[in-house]
Each structure stands twice: as structure tokens, then as C-alpha cells.
């Protein structure tokens, strides 16, 4: 042993580290937010399809609202797909992490 140097003390485990419990937060959870968003996209797509069918059968002659509804549904589907891709990418990144 070298004079003036203290030996290294062993590392002690943190008390309670193995007993971590998830906490329940008040508010909307991720699952509910995702379900609501997907339901809203589904409603928008169904509305666009109904307007398109109404235009095709002659029930409406307002082509502008049909095109706007179709574009809105298309944009919402693209956004939903990109969000899904980001979630899957984040999940894969977490699974690659070494503990």
C-alpha cells in the first residue's frame, strides 16, 4: 500500500433500487391519446369517402368540399404513418440499447 492513499471502498447498492414501481399519473395516458388520434383520422377518411360517394351518385354538386375532405384525409393519413414510423424507430432504438 502506498503511503497517503486510501484503499478504494466497495460500491454500495442504492437502497430501494430493485423495488422501482411505475407511478400512475393523473391525466390522459399515451394509449388514450393514440386511440383518439386514430379514431379522428378514421372519421376524417370515412367522411371523405362519404362525400366522394355522394358526389359520384349526384347527391351533391360541391366538388370543392369533396376535394378538400379528400386532401385533409390524405394529409392526416400521411401524418399518422410518419408518427407510426417514428414510434417504431424509437422502439427499435430502445431495444438496441445495452443495459
Protein backbone atom coordinates (compact mmCIF):
# COMPACT_ATOMS: atom_id res chain seq x y z
CA UNK A 1 0.00 0.00 0.00
CA UNK A 2 1.31 3.45 -0.90
CA UNK A 3 1.55 5.90 1.97
CA UNK A 4 -1.18 8.58 2.00
CA UNK A 5 -3.53 6.78 -0.43
CA UNK A 6 -6.66 5.25 0.98
CA UNK A 7 -7.85 1.91 -0.42
CA UNK A 8 -10.96 2.07 -2.66
CA UNK A 9 -14.13 1.34 -0.77
CA UNK A 10 -16.54 -1.11 -2.42
CA UNK A 11 -19.56 0.45 -4.14
CA UNK A 12 -22.72 0.05 -2.12
CA UNK A 13 -26.03 -0.55 -3.91
CA UNK A 14 -28.61 2.20 -3.80
CA UNK A 15 -31.30 1.37 -1.30
CA UNK A 16 -34.60 0.51 -2.93
CA UNK A 17 -33.15 0.43 -6.46
CA UNK A 18 -34.61 -3.00 -7.15
CA UNK A 19 -38.07 -2.03 -5.95
CA UNK A 20 -38.94 0.62 -8.55
CA UNK A 21 -42.67 0.73 -9.17
CA UNK A 22 -44.27 2.65 -12.04
CA UNK A 23 -46.25 5.63 -10.90
CA UNK A 24 -49.74 6.32 -12.12
CA UNK A 25 -50.10 9.91 -13.25
CA UNK A 26 -53.37 11.71 -13.34
CA UNK A 27 -54.28 12.73 -16.84
CA UNK A 28 -54.57 11.10 -20.21
CA UNK A 29 -52.18 8.28 -20.94
CA UNK A 30 -50.40 7.66 -24.23
CA UNK A 31 -52.74 4.85 -25.22
CA UNK A 32 -55.82 7.08 -24.96
CA UNK A 33 -54.17 9.89 -26.91
CA UNK A 34 -53.18 7.47 -29.67
CA UNK A 35 -56.64 5.88 -29.79
CA UNK A 36 -58.32 9.29 -30.03
CA UNK A 37 -55.97 10.40 -32.82
CA UNK A 38 -56.52 7.20 -34.81
CA UNK A 39 -60.30 7.46 -34.36
CA UNK A 40 -60.20 11.07 -35.59
CA UNK A 41 -58.21 10.03 -38.69
CA UNK A 42 -60.66 7.19 -39.31
CA UNK A 43 -63.63 9.56 -39.04
CA UNK A 44 -61.99 12.00 -41.46
CA UNK A 45 -61.31 9.24 -44.01
CA UNK A 46 -64.88 7.94 -43.69
CA UNK A 47 -66.24 11.47 -44.17
CA UNK A 48 -64.12 11.93 -47.31
CA UNK A 49 -65.34 8.61 -48.69
CA UNK A 50 -68.97 9.50 -47.97
CA UNK A 51 -68.61 12.90 -49.68
CA UNK A 52 -66.93 11.24 -52.64
CA UNK A 53 -69.73 8.68 -52.93
CA UNK A 54 -72.34 11.43 -52.64
CA UNK A 55 -70.65 13.36 -55.43
CA UNK A 56 -70.40 10.24 -57.61
CA UNK A 57 -74.09 9.43 -57.16
CA UNK A 58 -75.18 13.03 -57.74
CA UNK A 59 -76.38 13.75 -54.20
CA UNK A 60 -74.06 16.77 -54.02
CA UNK A 61 -72.51 19.01 -56.65
CA UNK A 62 -69.98 20.76 -54.39
CA UNK A 63 -66.72 19.42 -55.77
CA UNK A 64 -64.69 21.82 -53.63
CA UNK A 65 -65.79 20.27 -50.33
CA UNK A 66 -65.15 16.78 -51.75
CA UNK A 67 -61.60 17.66 -52.80
CA UNK A 68 -60.87 19.47 -49.52
CA UNK A 69 -62.13 16.49 -47.48
CA UNK A 70 -60.07 14.06 -49.59
CA UNK A 71 -56.90 16.15 -49.20
CA UNK A 72 -57.47 16.53 -45.46
CA UNK A 73 -57.87 12.76 -45.13
CA UNK A 74 -54.73 12.17 -47.22
CA UNK A 75 -52.64 14.56 -45.12
CA UNK A 76 -53.91 13.03 -41.88
CA UNK A 77 -53.05 9.53 -43.14
CA UNK A 78 -49.56 10.66 -44.12
CA UNK A 79 -49.04 12.23 -40.70
CA UNK A 80 -50.31 9.10 -38.95
CA UNK A 81 -47.94 6.95 -40.99
CA UNK A 82 -44.97 9.17 -40.14
CA UNK A 83 -45.84 9.18 -36.44
CA UNK A 84 -46.12 5.39 -36.52
CA UNK A 85 -42.74 5.14 -38.24
CA UNK A 86 -41.14 7.37 -35.59
CA UNK A 87 -42.67 5.30 -32.78
CA UNK A 88 -41.38 2.06 -34.31
CA UNK A 89 -37.96 3.64 -34.86
CA UNK A 90 -37.83 4.80 -31.23
CA UNK A 91 -38.87 1.34 -30.02
CA UNK A 92 -36.13 -0.30 -32.08
CA UNK A 93 -33.58 2.18 -30.75
CA UNK A 94 -34.60 1.40 -27.18
CA UNK A 95 -34.33 -2.34 -27.88
CA UNK A 96 -30.78 -1.84 -29.21
CA UNK A 97 -29.67 -0.11 -26.01
CA UNK A 98 -27.37 -2.16 -23.86
CA UNK A 99 -28.03 -2.25 -20.17
